[in-house]
């Protein structure tokens, strides 16, 4: 199965969101119950779609 978020991996947006989630998780502000790649990818998708509206 193809990763629907692969197009975002390694992009600046991916890196910023990944860092933000990492900071929140380390501070115990959030608890991840889903693979990080899916969380970051989904947020990248939402932001990209909102920029195209």
N, C-alpha and C. Protein backbone atom coordinates (compact mmCIF):
# COMPACT_ATOMS: atom_id res chain seq x y z
N UNK A 1 0.83 -1.18 0.00
CA UNK A 1 0.00 0.00 0.00
C UNK A 1 0.88 1.24 0.00
N UNK A 2 0.54 2.20 -0.82
CA UNK A 2 1.32 3.43 -0.95
C UNK A 2 1.04 4.38 0.22
N UNK A 3 2.09 5.05 0.67
CA UNK A 3 1.95 6.02 1.75
C UNK A 3 1.38 7.32 1.18
N UNK A 4 0.18 7.72 1.60
CA UNK A 4 -0.45 8.91 1.02
C UNK A 4 0.26 10.21 1.41
N UNK A 5 1.13 10.16 2.39
CA UNK A 5 1.80 11.37 2.87
C UNK A 5 3.26 11.44 2.45
N UNK A 6 3.69 10.49 1.65
CA UNK A 6 5.09 10.41 1.24
C UNK A 6 5.57 11.69 0.56
N UNK A 7 4.68 12.38 -0.13
CA UNK A 7 5.07 13.59 -0.85
C UNK A 7 5.53 14.71 0.09
N UNK A 8 5.19 14.62 1.36
CA UNK A 8 5.55 15.66 2.32
C UNK A 8 6.84 15.36 3.08
N UNK A 9 7.26 14.10 3.08
CA UNK A 9 8.43 13.69 3.86
C UNK A 9 9.67 14.46 3.40
N UNK A 10 10.37 15.02 4.39
CA UNK A 10 11.61 15.74 4.10
C UNK A 10 11.43 17.19 3.70
N UNK A 11 10.20 17.61 3.51
CA UNK A 11 9.94 19.01 3.14
C UNK A 11 10.02 19.88 4.40
N UNK A 12 10.25 21.19 4.23
CA UNK A 12 10.33 22.08 5.40
C UNK A 12 9.09 22.01 6.30
N UNK A 13 7.90 21.94 5.70
CA UNK A 13 6.68 21.86 6.49
C UNK A 13 6.69 20.61 7.36
N UNK A 14 7.11 19.48 6.80
CA UNK A 14 7.20 18.22 7.55
C UNK A 14 8.13 18.38 8.74
N UNK A 15 9.29 18.97 8.51
CA UNK A 15 10.29 19.11 9.56
C UNK A 15 9.78 19.99 10.70
N UNK A 16 9.10 21.08 10.38
CA UNK A 16 8.58 21.98 11.41
C UNK A 16 7.50 21.28 12.24
N UNK A 17 6.56 20.63 11.57
CA UNK A 17 5.48 19.94 12.28
C UNK A 17 6.04 18.80 13.13
N UNK A 18 6.97 18.05 12.58
CA UNK A 18 7.58 16.94 13.32
C UNK A 18 8.27 17.46 14.57
N UNK A 19 9.01 18.57 14.46
CA UNK A 19 9.67 19.15 15.62
C UNK A 19 8.66 19.60 16.66
N UNK A 20 7.58 20.25 16.21
CA UNK A 20 6.56 20.70 17.14
C UNK A 20 5.92 19.55 17.90
N UNK A 21 5.60 18.48 17.20
CA UNK A 21 5.00 17.31 17.85
C UNK A 21 6.01 16.68 18.80
N UNK A 22 7.26 16.62 18.38
CA UNK A 22 8.30 16.06 19.24
C UNK A 22 8.43 16.86 20.53
N UNK A 23 8.44 18.19 20.42
CA UNK A 23 8.52 19.04 21.61
C UNK A 23 7.34 18.80 22.54
N UNK A 24 6.15 18.74 21.98
CA UNK A 24 4.94 18.52 22.79
C UNK A 24 4.97 17.15 23.47
N UNK A 25 5.42 16.15 22.75
CA UNK A 25 5.49 14.79 23.33
C UNK A 25 6.54 14.72 24.43
N UNK A 26 7.69 15.35 24.22
CA UNK A 26 8.73 15.34 25.24
C UNK A 26 8.29 16.06 26.51
N UNK A 27 7.49 17.12 26.35
CA UNK A 27 6.99 17.87 27.50
C UNK A 27 5.78 17.20 28.14
N UNK A 28 5.36 16.09 27.54
CA UNK A 28 4.18 15.35 27.99
C UNK A 28 2.89 16.16 27.87
N UNK A 29 2.89 17.08 26.88
CA UNK A 29 1.68 17.84 26.59
C UNK A 29 0.71 17.03 25.72
N UNK A 30 1.26 16.09 24.96
CA UNK A 30 0.43 15.18 24.16
C UNK A 30 0.97 13.77 24.31
N UNK A 31 0.11 12.80 24.03
CA UNK A 31 0.51 11.40 24.00
C UNK A 31 0.14 10.86 22.63
N UNK A 32 1.12 10.34 21.94
CA UNK A 32 0.89 9.82 20.59
C UNK A 32 0.38 8.37 20.68
N UNK A 33 -0.73 8.12 20.02
CA UNK A 33 -1.26 6.76 19.95
C UNK A 33 -1.27 6.24 18.51
N UNK A 34 -0.82 7.07 17.60
CA UNK A 34 -0.73 6.74 16.18
C UNK A 34 0.70 6.99 15.74
N UNK A 35 1.15 6.27 14.72
CA UNK A 35 2.51 6.47 14.21
C UNK A 35 2.74 7.93 13.88
N UNK A 36 3.89 8.43 14.25
CA UNK A 36 4.23 9.84 14.02
C UNK A 36 4.09 10.23 12.56
N UNK A 37 4.47 9.34 11.65
CA UNK A 37 4.41 9.66 10.22
C UNK A 37 2.98 10.00 9.78
N UNK A 38 2.01 9.32 10.33
CA UNK A 38 0.62 9.59 9.97
C UNK A 38 0.13 10.90 10.56
N UNK A 39 0.57 11.20 11.76
CA UNK A 39 0.17 12.46 12.39
C UNK A 39 0.75 13.64 11.61
N UNK A 40 2.05 13.59 11.37
CA UNK A 40 2.71 14.68 10.65
C UNK A 40 2.17 14.80 9.22
N UNK A 41 2.02 13.67 8.57
CA UNK A 41 1.52 13.68 7.19
C UNK A 41 0.13 14.27 7.08
N UNK A 42 -0.73 13.89 8.00
CA UNK A 42 -2.10 14.41 7.98
C UNK A 42 -2.12 15.92 8.19
N UNK A 43 -1.33 16.40 9.14
CA UNK A 43 -1.28 17.84 9.38
C UNK A 43 -0.69 18.59 8.19
N UNK A 44 0.32 18.02 7.55
CA UNK A 44 0.88 18.62 6.34
C UNK A 44 -0.19 18.71 5.25
N UNK A 45 -0.96 17.66 5.10
CA UNK A 45 -2.03 17.62 4.10
C UNK A 45 -3.07 18.71 4.38
N UNK A 46 -3.49 18.84 5.63
CA UNK A 46 -4.48 19.85 5.99
C UNK A 46 -3.97 21.27 5.72
N UNK A 47 -2.73 21.53 6.11
CA UNK A 47 -2.17 22.86 5.89
C UNK A 47 -2.04 23.15 4.41
N UNK A 48 -1.56 22.20 3.65
CA UNK A 48 -1.38 22.38 2.21
C UNK A 48 -2.73 22.63 1.53
N UNK A 49 -3.74 21.87 1.92
CA UNK A 49 -5.07 22.07 1.34
C UNK A 49 -5.63 23.44 1.70
N UNK A 50 -5.39 23.92 2.91
CA UNK A 50 -5.93 25.21 3.32
C UNK A 50 -5.24 26.35 2.58
N UNK A 51 -3.98 26.15 2.22
CA UNK A 51 -3.24 27.17 1.45
C UNK A 51 -3.76 27.27 0.02
N UNK A 52 -4.37 26.20 -0.47
CA UNK A 52 -4.86 26.16 -1.85
C UNK A 52 -6.32 26.61 -1.97
N UNK A 53 -6.93 27.03 -0.88
CA UNK A 53 -8.34 27.45 -0.93
C UNK A 53 -8.45 28.88 -1.38
